[in-house]
Amino acid sequence: MNEVINSLSIAHITCIVVIGTLLRIGLIRLRAGVAQSTAEIIESGILVVVGMFLIVRPFVLQAFFIPSPSMEPTLIGKNGVGDRILVNKLIYRLSSPSRDDVAVFIPPAAAIEGDNLEESPGVPVNFIKRVIAVSGDRLQVTAGKVWIDGEAYGHTAIRLRLFGDGAGNNDLQADHHVRFTDKGVTVDGKLMPQSRLASLMVGDPNATVHVVPGQTILNGKPLVEPFIAEDPDYDLEIYQGKSLKYDSMQGPRLNGRAITMDEYTMDRATGIGRLPARTYFMMGDNRNDSKDSTEWGPLDEHRIVGRAQFVFWPVNRVRAIR
């Protein structure tokens, strides 16, 4: 019921109430017991719809649909088929978001420019990501690399070699995840023998392979993140309250704006900054396929909508969200 109410506007609710009220009045005038019972059911339905629309949805609990793969494997979403979740909108009226919370929020304009996202008039687009850092935290990200006979390779290069020229796009990134770990390189969760990896990349199964996993470092300590699809393929740190990021595909950027390598080098030389007051750093669990704070910077607290609590559909995915 809540998911249906989410899609209704005030005009829709008004029509439902008016039509329901007219039906109820007409049935009450009939003397038959069935008509009287039906009128009572309609009255109860009107109260439920109005209560859900005016009280539950704005202030307590709301259903959301996951349309993209940016939070895989925690939340699944692709090609119009994804998890349905319940979001607690009351919790952040009583307390502040905490690190590791999975939260729904209204993204800044920079996050949706050029995306041509469909939305109903007056209904904001919502994003869902994980809270990685809070106000005052120092945050740094280091890119994962695989060194084979002294040559460095990233996640995209290995994915392309494994799955073909189309594997660099977002849809196929959701299908195939390459992760660098202390044990080696995993592909879709399975450890790849180093000899096979070396043969695949350089044609020599005896080549020396050295794996350096990407890390997210919070206040000087690497985070343990078993929930991510891939370790990060980029370097990042906070500079003057903004996201200073470098990856080999797009080069250096500051809050998503392209900068020169000289500017990037100078900004990095100032040291790792802190998140500004009343902001949060949001990142998707699918680190290399997520438009998040690494692109547009820390999120202002007033944009937080609520905490994702449960997956309620499909049935085989029902679970608490962690």
C-alpha atoms as a PDB file:
ATOM      1  CA  MET A   1       0.000   0.000   0.000  1.00  0.00           C
ATOM      2  CA  ASN A   2       2.764   2.453   0.936  1.00  0.00           C
ATOM      3  CA  GLU A   3       4.503   1.972  -2.429  1.00  0.00           C
ATOM      4  CA  VAL A   4       1.230   2.771  -4.263  1.00  0.00           C
ATOM      5  CA  ILE A   5       0.646   5.863  -2.113  1.00  0.00           C
ATOM      6  CA  ASN A   6       4.160   7.076  -2.969  1.00  0.00           C
ATOM      7  CA  SER A   7       3.181   7.473  -6.623  1.00  0.00           C
ATOM      8  CA  LEU A   8       0.018   9.484  -5.907  1.00  0.00           C
ATOM      9  CA  SER A   9      -0.178  13.275  -5.985  1.00  0.00           C
ATOM     10  CA  ILE A  10      -2.475  15.498  -3.896  1.00  0.00           C
ATOM     11  CA  ALA A  11      -4.872  15.635  -6.881  1.00  0.00           C
ATOM     12  CA  HIS A  12      -5.017  11.835  -7.005  1.00  0.00           C
ATOM     13  CA  ILE A  13      -5.683  11.592  -3.271  1.00  0.00           C
ATOM     14  CA  THR A  14      -8.408  14.240  -3.517  1.00  0.00           C
ATOM     15  CA  CYS A  15     -10.123  12.318  -6.311  1.00  0.00           C
ATOM     16  CA  ILE A  16      -9.959   9.076  -4.320  1.00  0.00           C
ATOM     17  CA  VAL A  17     -11.443  10.750  -1.243  1.00  0.00           C
ATOM     18  CA  VAL A  18     -14.232  12.483  -3.219  1.00  0.00           C
ATOM     19  CA  ILE A  19     -15.188   9.354  -5.161  1.00  0.00           C
ATOM     20  CA  GLY A  20     -15.013   7.206  -2.018  1.00  0.00           C
ATOM     21  CA  THR A  21     -17.140   9.655  -0.064  1.00  0.00           C
ATOM     22  CA  LEU A  22     -19.797   9.787  -2.777  1.00  0.00           C
ATOM     23  CA  LEU A  23     -19.910   5.981  -2.928  1.00  0.00           C
ATOM     24  CA  ARG A  24     -20.202   5.791   0.845  1.00  0.00           C
ATOM     25  CA  ILE A  25     -23.087   8.306   0.919  1.00  0.00           C
ATOM     26  CA  GLY A  26     -24.903   6.402  -1.828  1.00  0.00           C
ATOM     27  CA  LEU A  27     -24.494   3.062  -0.059  1.00  0.00           C
ATOM     28  CA  ILE A  28     -25.604   4.400   3.322  1.00  0.00           C
ATOM     29  CA  ARG A  29     -28.920   5.421   1.793  1.00  0.00           C
ATOM     30  CA  LEU A  30     -29.540   1.809   0.891  1.00  0.00           C
ATOM     31  CA  ARG A  31     -31.049  -0.263   3.662  1.00  0.00           C
ATOM     32  CA  ALA A  32     -29.419  -3.578   2.741  1.00  0.00           C
ATOM     33  CA  GLY A  33     -26.903  -4.928   5.225  1.00  0.00           C
ATOM     34  CA  VAL A  34     -24.321  -5.614   2.516  1.00  0.00           C
ATOM     35  CA  ALA A  35     -24.511  -1.971   1.398  1.00  0.00           C
ATOM     36  CA  GLN A  36     -24.004  -0.748   4.964  1.00  0.00           C
ATOM     37  CA  SER A  37     -20.995  -3.036   5.448  1.00  0.00           C
ATOM     38  CA  THR A  38     -19.482  -1.922   2.142  1.00  0.00           C
ATOM     39  CA  ALA A  39     -19.928   1.728   3.161  1.00  0.00           C
ATOM     40  CA  GLU A  40     -17.991   1.078   6.383  1.00  0.00           C
ATOM     41  CA  ILE A  41     -15.168  -0.632   4.435  1.00  0.00           C
ATOM     42  CA  ILE A  42     -14.955   2.336   2.043  1.00  0.00           C
ATOM     43  CA  GLU A  43     -14.847   4.735   4.991  1.00  0.00           C
ATOM     44  CA  SER A  44     -11.995   2.765   6.579  1.00  0.00           C
ATOM     45  CA  GLY A  45     -10.152   2.710   3.244  1.00  0.00           C
ATOM     46  CA  ILE A  46     -10.435   6.485   2.910  1.00  0.00           C
ATOM     47  CA  LEU A  47      -8.976   6.952   6.403  1.00  0.00           C
ATOM     48  CA  VAL A  48      -6.091   4.572   5.609  1.00  0.00           C
ATOM     49  CA  VAL A  49      -5.226   6.343   2.346  1.00  0.00           C
ATOM     50  CA  VAL A  50      -5.399   9.813   3.915  1.00  0.00           C
ATOM     51  CA  GLY A  51      -3.373   8.669   6.937  1.00  0.00           C
ATOM     52  CA  MET A  52      -0.680   7.098   4.769  1.00  0.00           C
ATOM     53  CA  PHE A  53      -0.472  10.176   2.539  1.00  0.00           C
ATOM     54  CA  LEU A  54      -0.547  12.862   5.257  1.00  0.00           C
ATOM     55  CA  ILE A  55       1.252  11.173   8.151  1.00  0.00           C
ATOM     56  CA  VAL A  56       3.122   7.950   7.366  1.00  0.00           C
ATOM     57  CA  ARG A  57       4.749   8.896   4.045  1.00  0.00           C
ATOM     58  CA  PRO A  58       5.996  12.397   5.008  1.00  0.00           C
ATOM     59  CA  PHE A  59       7.131  11.623   8.539  1.00  0.00           C
ATOM     60  CA  VAL A  60       7.495   7.913   9.328  1.00  0.00           C
ATOM     61  CA  LEU A  61       7.952   5.278   6.617  1.00  0.00           C
ATOM     62  CA  GLN A  62       8.159   5.323   2.835  1.00  0.00           C
ATOM     63  CA  ALA A  63       8.770   2.729   0.145  1.00  0.00           C
ATOM     64  CA  PHE A  64      11.437   3.290  -2.495  1.00  0.00           C
ATOM     65  CA  PHE A  65      12.561   1.441  -5.622  1.00  0.00           C
ATOM     66  CA  ILE A  66      16.241   0.822  -6.426  1.00  0.00           C
ATOM     67  CA  PRO A  67      16.717   1.600 -10.152  1.00  0.00           C
ATOM     68  CA  SER A  68      20.506   1.417 -10.557  1.00  0.00           C
ATOM     69  CA  PRO A  69      23.472  -0.845  -9.681  1.00  0.00           C
ATOM     70  CA  SER A  70      25.319   1.806  -7.637  1.00  0.00           C
ATOM     71  CA  MET A  71      24.672   0.032  -4.295  1.00  0.00           C
ATOM     72  CA  GLU A  72      25.411  -3.536  -5.397  1.00  0.00           C
ATOM     73  CA  PRO A  73      25.778  -6.021  -3.871  1.00  0.00           C
ATOM     74  CA  THR A  74      23.901  -4.565  -0.863  1.00  0.00           C
ATOM     75  CA  LEU A  75      20.954  -3.422  -2.999  1.00  0.00           C
ATOM     76  CA  ILE A  76      20.182  -4.694  -6.480  1.00  0.00           C
ATOM     77  CA  GLY A  77      18.859  -2.525  -9.291  1.00  0.00           C
ATOM     78  CA  LYS A  78      19.155  -2.726 -13.061  1.00  0.00           C
ATOM     79  CA  ASN A  79      17.048  -2.326 -16.222  1.00  0.00           C
ATOM     80  CA  GLY A  80      13.874  -1.499 -14.311  1.00  0.00           C
ATOM     81  CA  VAL A  81      14.140  -4.529 -12.026  1.00  0.00           C
ATOM     82  CA  GLY A  82      15.363  -3.841  -8.517  1.00  0.00           C
ATOM     83  CA  ASP A  83      14.860  -4.113  -4.776  1.00  0.00           C
ATOM     84  CA  ARG A  84      11.919  -2.423  -3.085  1.00  0.00           C
ATOM     85  CA  ILE A  85      12.933  -0.986   0.268  1.00  0.00           C
ATOM     86  CA  LEU A  86      11.335   0.677   3.276  1.00  0.00           C
ATOM     87  CA  VAL A  87      12.964   3.881   4.512  1.00  0.00           C
ATOM     88  CA  ASN A  88      12.646   5.146   8.085  1.00  0.00           C
ATOM     89  CA  LYS A  89      12.029   8.906   7.783  1.00  0.00           C
ATOM     90  CA  LEU A  90      11.542   9.435  11.513  1.00  0.00           C
ATOM     91  CA  ILE A  91      14.925   8.252  12.767  1.00  0.00           C
ATOM     92  CA  TYR A  92      16.907  11.287  11.577  1.00  0.00           C
ATOM     93  CA  ARG A  93      14.423  13.618  13.241  1.00  0.00           C
ATOM     94  CA  LEU A  94      15.545  12.049  16.520  1.00  0.00           C
ATOM     95  CA  SER A  95      19.255  11.458  15.812  1.00  0.00           C
ATOM     96  CA  SER A  96      21.948  12.257  13.272  1.00  0.00           C
ATOM     97  CA  PRO A  97      23.104   9.848  10.540  1.00  0.00           C
ATOM     98  CA  SER A  98      25.967   7.579  11.565  1.00  0.00           C
ATOM     99  CA  ARG A  99      28.873   6.153   9.614  1.00  0.00           C
ATOM    100  CA  ASP A 100      27.858   3.054   7.616  1.00  0.00           C
ATOM    101  CA  ASP A 101      24.159   4.012   7.531  1.00  0.00           C
ATOM    102  CA  VAL A 102      22.543   3.400   4.148  1.00  0.00           C
ATOM    103  CA  ALA A 103      20.592   6.611   3.589  1.00  0.00           C
ATOM    104  CA  VAL A 104      18.174   8.079   1.062  1.00  0.00           C
ATOM    105  CA  PHE A 105      18.672  11.728   0.179  1.00  0.00           C
ATOM    106  CA  ILE A 106      17.783  14.471  -2.287  1.00  0.00           C
ATOM    107  CA  PRO A 107      20.936  14.960  -4.406  1.00  0.00           C
ATOM    108  CA  PRO A 108      22.419  18.366  -5.202  1.00  0.00           C
ATOM    109  CA  ALA A 109      21.860  19.763  -8.692  1.00  0.00           C
ATOM    110  CA  ALA A 110      25.389  18.785  -9.732  1.00  0.00           C
ATOM    111  CA  ALA A 111      24.533  15.117  -9.148  1.00  0.00           C
ATOM    112  CA  ILE A 112      21.738  14.981 -11.736  1.00  0.00           C
ATOM    113  CA  GLU A 113      22.812  17.514 -14.369  1.00  0.00           C
ATOM    114  CA  GLY A 114      22.655  15.944 -17.811  1.00  0.00           C
ATOM    115  CA  ASP A 115      21.133  12.689 -16.548  1.00  0.00           C
ATOM    116  CA  ASN A 116      17.630  13.432 -17.895  1.00  0.00           C
ATOM    117  CA  LEU A 117      16.134  11.606 -14.931  1.00  0.00           C
ATOM    118  CA  GLU A 118      12.391  11.118 -15.104  1.00  0.00           C
ATOM    119  CA  GLU A 119      10.404  12.480 -12.170  1.00  0.00           C
ATOM    120  CA  SER A 120       6.855  13.614 -11.527  1.00  0.00           C
ATOM    121  CA  PRO A 121       6.224  17.368 -11.226  1.00  0.00           C
ATOM    122  CA  GLY A 122       7.030  18.492  -7.701  1.00  0.00           C
ATOM    123  CA  VAL A 123       8.494  15.102  -6.745  1.00  0.00           C
ATOM    124  CA  PRO A 124      12.265  15.235  -6.114  1.00  0.00           C
ATOM    125  CA  VAL A 125      14.689  12.619  -7.397  1.00  0.00           C
ATOM    126  CA  ASN A 126      16.092  10.511  -4.566  1.00  0.00           C
ATOM    127  CA  PHE A 127      19.500   8.837  -4.333  1.00  0.00           C
ATOM    128  CA  ILE A 128      20.619   6.103  -1.956  1.00  0.00           C
ATOM    129  CA  LYS A 129      24.227   5.659  -0.794  1.00  0.00           C
ATOM    130  CA  ARG A 130      26.198   4.704   2.302  1.00  0.00           C
ATOM    131  CA  VAL A 131      27.400   7.279   4.832  1.00  0.00           C
ATOM    132  CA  ILE A 132      31.179   6.870   4.808  1.00  0.00           C
ATOM    133  CA  ALA A 133      32.275   9.961   6.730  1.00  0.00           C
ATOM    134  CA  VAL A 134      30.630  12.636   8.884  1.00  0.00           C
ATOM    135  CA  SER A 135      31.459  16.226   9.800  1.00  0.00           C
ATOM    136  CA  GLY A 136      35.039  16.684  10.962  1.00  0.00           C
ATOM    137  CA  ASP A 137      36.314  13.401   9.526  1.00  0.00           C
ATOM    138  CA  ARG A 138      39.423  13.166   7.380  1.00  0.00           C
ATOM    139  CA  LEU A 139      38.865  10.988   4.334  1.00  0.00           C
ATOM    140  CA  GLN A 140      41.282   9.535   1.809  1.00  0.00           C
ATOM    141  CA  VAL A 141      40.889   6.894  -0.915  1.00  0.00           C
ATOM    142  CA  THR A 142      43.713   5.077  -2.693  1.00  0.00           C
ATOM    143  CA  ALA A 143      43.247   3.301  -6.019  1.00  0.00           C
ATOM    144  CA  GLY A 144      43.677  -0.433  -6.364  1.00  0.00           C
ATOM    145  CA  LYS A 145      46.335  -1.678  -8.802  1.00  0.00           C
ATOM    146  CA  VAL A 146      47.619  -4.986 -10.097  1.00  0.00           C
ATOM    147  CA  TRP A 147      51.289  -4.936 -11.070  1.00  0.00           C
ATOM    148  CA  ILE A 148      52.319  -7.554 -13.627  1.00  0.00           C
ATOM    149  CA  ASP A 149      56.039  -7.513 -14.468  1.00  0.00           C
ATOM    150  CA  GLY A 150      56.151  -3.880 -13.383  1.00  0.00           C
ATOM    151  CA  GLU A 151      53.127  -2.729 -15.441  1.00  0.00           C
ATOM    152  CA  ALA A 152      50.105  -1.386 -13.531  1.00  0.00           C
ATOM    153  CA  TYR A 153      46.544  -2.430 -14.403  1.00  0.00           C
ATOM    154  CA  GLY A 154      43.241  -1.189 -12.996  1.00  0.00           C
ATOM    155  CA  HIS A 155      39.840  -2.840 -12.613  1.00  0.00           C
ATOM    156  CA  THR A 156      38.567  -1.599 -15.973  1.00  0.00           C
ATOM    157  CA  ALA A 157      41.546  -2.959 -17.905  1.00  0.00           C
ATOM    158  CA  ILE A 158      41.085  -6.430 -16.434  1.00  0.00           C
ATOM    159  CA  ARG A 159      37.319  -6.337 -16.913  1.00  0.00           C
ATOM    160  CA  LEU A 160      37.729  -5.358 -20.562  1.00  0.00           C
ATOM    161  CA  ARG A 161      40.152  -8.212 -21.178  1.00  0.00           C
ATOM    162  CA  LEU A 162      37.827 -10.700 -19.498  1.00  0.00           C
ATOM    163  CA  PHE A 163      34.466  -9.632 -20.896  1.00  0.00           C
ATOM    164  CA  GLY A 164      35.159  -7.720 -24.108  1.00  0.00           C
ATOM    165  CA  ASP A 165      34.967  -4.167 -25.367  1.00  0.00           C
ATOM    166  CA  GLY A 166      31.488  -3.523 -23.925  1.00  0.00           C
ATOM    167  CA  ALA A 167      32.480  -4.279 -20.345  1.00  0.00           C
ATOM    168  CA  GLY A 168      33.436  -0.698 -19.563  1.00  0.00           C
ATOM    169  CA  ASN A 169      29.871   0.571 -19.542  1.00  0.00           C
ATOM    170  CA  ASN A 170      27.692   0.851 -16.456  1.00  0.00           C
ATOM    171  CA  ASP A 171      25.307  -1.997 -17.259  1.00  0.00           C
ATOM    172  CA  LEU A 172      28.060  -4.584 -17.633  1.00  0.00           C
ATOM    173  CA  GLN A 173      29.889  -3.287 -14.588  1.00  0.00           C
ATOM    174  CA  ALA A 174      26.791  -4.330 -12.668  1.00  0.00           C
ATOM    175  CA  ASP A 175      27.031  -7.821 -14.187  1.00  0.00           C
ATOM    176  CA  HIS A 176      30.749  -8.370 -13.605  1.00  0.00           C
ATOM    177  CA  HIS A 177      32.755  -7.150 -10.631  1.00  0.00           C
ATOM    178  CA  VAL A 178      36.547  -7.280 -10.388  1.00  0.00           C
ATOM    179  CA  ARG A 179      37.940  -6.776  -6.898  1.00  0.00           C
ATOM    180  CA  PHE A 180      41.536  -6.577  -5.705  1.00  0.00           C
ATOM    181  CA  THR A 181      42.070  -8.222  -2.306  1.00  0.00           C
ATOM    182  CA  ASP A 182      44.944  -9.328  -0.077  1.00  0.00           C
ATOM    183  CA  LYS A 183      44.414 -12.864  -1.428  1.00  0.00           C
ATOM    184  CA  GLY A 184      44.498 -11.773  -5.071  1.00  0.00           C
ATOM    185  CA  VAL A 185      42.000 -10.730  -7.754  1.00  0.00           C
ATOM    186  CA  THR A 186      38.421 -11.961  -7.526  1.00  0.00           C
ATOM    187  CA  VAL A 187      36.037 -11.951 -10.485  1.00  0.00           C
ATOM    188  CA  ASP A 188      32.351 -12.054  -9.547  1.00  0.00           C
ATOM    189  CA  GLY A 189      33.410 -13.276  -6.104  1.00  0.00           C
ATOM    190  CA  LYS A 190      35.720 -16.078  -7.280  1.00  0.00           C
ATOM    191  CA  LEU A 191      39.479 -15.931  -6.817  1.00  0.00           C
ATOM    192  CA  MET A 192      41.382 -15.975 -10.124  1.00  0.00           C
ATOM    193  CA  PRO A 193      44.671 -17.922 -10.165  1.00  0.00           C
ATOM    194  CA  GLN A 194      47.581 -15.520 -10.597  1.00  0.00           C
ATOM    195  CA  SER A 195      48.970 -17.619 -13.451  1.00  0.00           C
ATOM    196  CA  ARG A 196      45.714 -17.246 -15.365  1.00  0.00           C
ATOM    197  CA  LEU A 197      45.621 -13.510 -14.690  1.00  0.00           C
ATOM    198  CA  ALA A 198      49.206 -13.076 -15.887  1.00  0.00           C
ATOM    199  CA  SER A 199      48.529 -15.146 -18.984  1.00  0.00           C
ATOM    200  CA  LEU A 200      45.378 -13.154 -19.708  1.00  0.00           C
ATOM    201  CA  MET A 201      47.025  -9.744 -19.349  1.00  0.00           C
ATOM    202  CA  VAL A 202      50.566 -10.231 -20.673  1.00  0.00           C
ATOM    203  CA  GLY A 203      50.556 -13.697 -22.238  1.00  0.00           C
ATOM    204  CA  ASP A 204      52.982 -15.172 -19.701  1.00  0.00           C
ATOM    205  CA  PRO A 205      51.593 -17.363 -16.879  1.00  0.00           C
ATOM    206  CA  ASN A 206      54.936 -17.106 -15.053  1.00  0.00           C
ATOM    207  CA  ALA A 207      54.952 -13.294 -14.919  1.00  0.00           C
ATOM    208  CA  THR A 208      55.280 -11.710 -11.471  1.00  0.00           C
ATOM    209  CA  VAL A 209      51.916 -10.535 -10.113  1.00  0.00           C
ATOM    210  CA  HIS A 210      51.558  -8.084  -7.214  1.00  0.00           C
ATOM    211  CA  VAL A 211      48.087  -7.024  -6.077  1.00  0.00           C
ATOM    212  CA  VAL A 212      47.535  -3.742  -4.207  1.00  0.00           C
ATOM    213  CA  PRO A 213      43.893  -3.431  -3.063  1.00  0.00           C
ATOM    214  CA  GLY A 214      42.244  -0.021  -3.133  1.00  0.00           C
ATOM    215  CA  GLN A 215      41.418   1.375   0.303  1.00  0.00           C
ATOM    216  CA  THR A 216      39.119   3.885   1.924  1.00  0.00           C
ATOM    217  CA  ILE A 217      40.976   5.497   4.828  1.00  0.00           C
ATOM    218  CA  LEU A 218      38.984   7.283   7.519  1.00  0.00           C
ATOM    219  CA  ASN A 219      40.848   9.380  10.090  1.00  0.00           C
ATOM    220  CA  GLY A 220      44.066   7.539   9.285  1.00  0.00           C
ATOM    221  CA  LYS A 221      42.661   3.995   9.524  1.00  0.00           C
ATOM    222  CA  PRO A 222      41.728   1.780   6.537  1.00  0.00           C
ATOM    223  CA  LEU A 223      38.081   0.723   6.619  1.00  0.00           C
ATOM    224  CA  VAL A 224      37.076  -2.929   6.501  1.00  0.00           C
ATOM    225  CA  GLU A 225      34.346  -3.042   3.853  1.00  0.00           C
ATOM    226  CA  PRO A 226      33.206  -6.590   3.017  1.00  0.00           C
ATOM    227  CA  PHE A 227      30.001  -5.191   1.497  1.00  0.00           C
ATOM    228  CA  ILE A 228      31.539  -3.451  -1.546  1.00  0.00           C
ATOM    229  CA  ALA A 229      31.382  -4.833  -5.097  1.00  0.00           C
ATOM    230  CA  GLU A 230      34.827  -3.530  -6.066  1.00  0.00           C
ATOM    231  CA  ASP A 231      37.592  -1.712  -4.260  1.00  0.00           C
ATOM    232  CA  PRO A 232      38.037   1.869  -5.559  1.00  0.00           C
ATOM    233  CA  ASP A 233      39.738   2.539  -8.877  1.00  0.00           C
ATOM    234  CA  TYR A 234      40.608   6.157  -8.002  1.00  0.00           C
ATOM    235  CA  ASP A 235      42.540   8.366  -5.585  1.00  0.00           C
ATOM    236  CA  LEU A 236      40.591  10.872  -3.497  1.00  0.00           C
ATOM    237  CA  GLU A 237      40.893  13.188  -0.533  1.00  0.00           C
ATOM    238  CA  ILE A 238      39.118  16.178   0.982  1.00  0.00           C
ATOM    239  CA  TYR A 239      40.475  19.575  -0.059  1.00  0.00           C
ATOM    240  CA  GLN A 240      38.882  22.739   1.368  1.00  0.00           C
ATOM    241  CA  GLY A 241      35.634  20.877   1.962  1.00  0.00           C
ATOM    242  CA  LYS A 242      35.517  19.482  -1.572  1.00  0.00           C
ATOM    243  CA  SER A 243      36.174  16.152  -3.271  1.00  0.00           C
ATOM    244  CA  LEU A 244      39.612  16.092  -4.898  1.00  0.00           C
ATOM    245  CA  LYS A 245      39.644  13.028  -7.147  1.00  0.00           C
ATOM    246  CA  TYR A 246      41.882  11.436  -9.738  1.00  0.00           C
ATOM    247  CA  ASP A 247      41.223   8.432 -11.932  1.00  0.00           C
ATOM    248  CA  SER A 248      42.982   7.336 -15.082  1.00  0.00           C
ATOM    249  CA  MET A 249      39.855   7.598 -17.237  1.00  0.00           C
ATOM    250  CA  GLN A 250      38.781  11.189 -16.451  1.00  0.00           C
ATOM    251  CA  GLY A 251      41.880  12.737 -14.926  1.00  0.00           C
ATOM    252  CA  PRO A 252      41.926  15.146 -11.944  1.00  0.00           C
ATOM    253  CA  ARG A 253      38.690  16.761 -10.771  1.00  0.00           C
ATOM    254  CA  LEU A 254      37.536  18.969  -7.917  1.00  0.00           C
ATOM    255  CA  ASN A 255      33.870  18.354  -7.037  1.00  0.00           C
ATOM    256  CA  GLY A 256      33.482  16.950 -10.539  1.00  0.00           C
ATOM    257  CA  ARG A 257      35.060  19.946 -12.289  1.00  0.00           C
ATOM    258  CA  ALA A 258      38.109  19.155 -14.422  1.00  0.00           C
ATOM    259  CA  ILE A 259      41.358  20.716 -13.187  1.00  0.00           C
ATOM    260  CA  THR A 260      44.956  20.574 -14.419  1.00  0.00           C
ATOM    261  CA  MET A 261      47.530  18.164 -13.053  1.00  0.00           C
ATOM    262  CA  ASP A 262      49.467  21.145 -11.680  1.00  0.00           C
ATOM    263  CA  GLU A 263      46.390  22.271  -9.741  1.00  0.00           C
ATOM    264  CA  TYR A 264      45.792  18.736  -8.531  1.00  0.00           C
ATOM    265  CA  THR A 265      49.390  18.374  -7.338  1.00  0.00           C
ATOM    266  CA  MET A 266      49.274  21.718  -5.518  1.00  0.00           C
ATOM    267  CA  ASP A 267      45.939  20.895  -3.844  1.00  0.00           C
ATOM    268  CA  ARG A 268      47.200  17.501  -2.657  1.00  0.00           C
ATOM    269  CA  ALA A 269      50.302  19.102  -1.182  1.00  0.00           C
ATOM    270  CA  THR A 270      48.140  20.934   1.388  1.00  0.00           C
ATOM    271  CA  GLY A 271      47.288  17.676   3.165  1.00  0.00           C
ATOM    272  CA  ILE A 272      44.038  15.820   3.780  1.00  0.00           C
ATOM    273  CA  GLY A 273      41.267  18.174   4.866  1.00  0.00           C
ATOM    274  CA  ARG A 274      38.193  17.602   7.034  1.00  0.00           C
ATOM    275  CA  LEU A 275      34.552  17.347   6.091  1.00  0.00           C
ATOM    276  CA  PRO A 276      32.750  20.663   6.722  1.00  0.00           C
ATOM    277  CA  ALA A 277      30.191  21.015   9.519  1.00  0.00           C
ATOM    278  CA  ARG A 278      26.749  19.499   8.919  1.00  0.00           C
ATOM    279  CA  THR A 279      27.852  17.472   5.887  1.00  0.00           C
ATOM    280  CA  TYR A 280      28.208  13.784   5.046  1.00  0.00           C
ATOM    281  CA  PHE A 281      30.304  11.922   2.501  1.00  0.00           C
ATOM    282  CA  MET A 282      28.096   9.471   0.593  1.00  0.00           C
ATOM    283  CA  MET A 283      29.496   6.577  -1.465  1.00  0.00           C
ATOM    284  CA  GLY A 284      27.884   3.705  -3.350  1.00  0.00           C
ATOM    285  CA  ASP A 285      28.895   0.167  -2.396  1.00  0.00           C
ATOM    286  CA  ASN A 286      29.555  -0.438  -6.108  1.00  0.00           C
ATOM    287  CA  ARG A 287      32.498   1.948  -5.833  1.00  0.00           C
ATOM    288  CA  ASN A 288      33.436   2.187  -9.515  1.00  0.00           C
ATOM    289  CA  ASP A 289      29.883   2.491 -10.816  1.00  0.00           C
ATOM    290  CA  SER A 290      28.340   5.126  -8.571  1.00  0.00           C
ATOM    291  CA  LYS A 291      27.681   8.836  -8.968  1.00  0.00           C
ATOM    292  CA  ASP A 292      28.216   9.977  -5.386  1.00  0.00           C
ATOM    293  CA  SER A 293      30.147  12.418  -3.184  1.00  0.00           C
ATOM    294  CA  THR A 294      33.351  11.483  -4.970  1.00  0.00           C
ATOM    295  CA  GLU A 295      31.872  13.337  -7.964  1.00  0.00           C
ATOM    296  CA  TRP A 296      29.942  16.237  -6.424  1.00  0.00           C
ATOM    297  CA  GLY A 297      31.341  16.593  -2.928  1.00  0.00           C
ATOM    298  CA  PRO A 298      30.011  16.310   0.634  1.00  0.00           C
ATOM    299  CA  LEU A 299      26.233  16.284   1.103  1.00  0.00           C
ATOM    300  CA  ASP A 300      24.478  18.942   3.210  1.00  0.00           C
ATOM    301  CA  GLU A 301      22.550  17.400   6.110  1.00  0.00           C
ATOM    302  CA  HIS A 302      19.231  19.042   5.170  1.00  0.00           C
ATOM    303  CA  ARG A 303      19.100  16.812   2.071  1.00  0.00           C
ATOM    304  CA  ILE A 304      18.926  13.571   4.064  1.00  0.00           C
ATOM    305  CA  VAL A 305      15.489  11.923   3.758  1.00  0.00           C
ATOM    306  CA  GLY A 306      15.830   8.824   5.921  1.00  0.00           C
ATOM    307  CA  ARG A 307      17.600   5.577   6.694  1.00  0.00           C
ATOM    308  CA  ALA A 308      17.052   2.482   4.537  1.00  0.00           C
ATOM    309  CA  GLN A 309      15.828  -0.264   6.892  1.00  0.00           C
ATOM    310  CA  PHE A 310      14.451  -3.268   4.993  1.00  0.00           C
ATOM    311  CA  VAL A 311      14.224  -4.881   1.582  1.00  0.00           C
ATOM    312  CA  PHE A 312      10.600  -6.038   1.315  1.00  0.00           C
ATOM    313  CA  TRP A 313      10.529  -7.173  -2.325  1.00  0.00           C
ATOM    314  CA  PRO A 314      11.295  -9.475  -4.094  1.00  0.00           C
ATOM    315  CA  VAL A 315      10.521 -12.187  -1.579  1.00  0.00           C
ATOM    316  CA  ASN A 316      13.869 -13.968  -1.948  1.00  0.00           C
ATOM    317  CA  ARG A 317      15.677 -10.701  -1.061  1.00  0.00           C
ATOM    318  CA  VAL A 318      13.695  -9.790   2.096  1.00  0.00           C
ATOM    319  CA  ARG A 319      16.193  -8.675   4.725  1.00  0.00           C
ATOM    320  CA  ALA A 320      17.363  -5.890   7.033  1.00  0.00           C
ATOM    321  CA  ILE A 321      19.724  -3.463   5.308  1.00  0.00           C
ATOM    322  CA  ARG A 322      23.211  -3.204   6.776  1.00  0.00           C
END
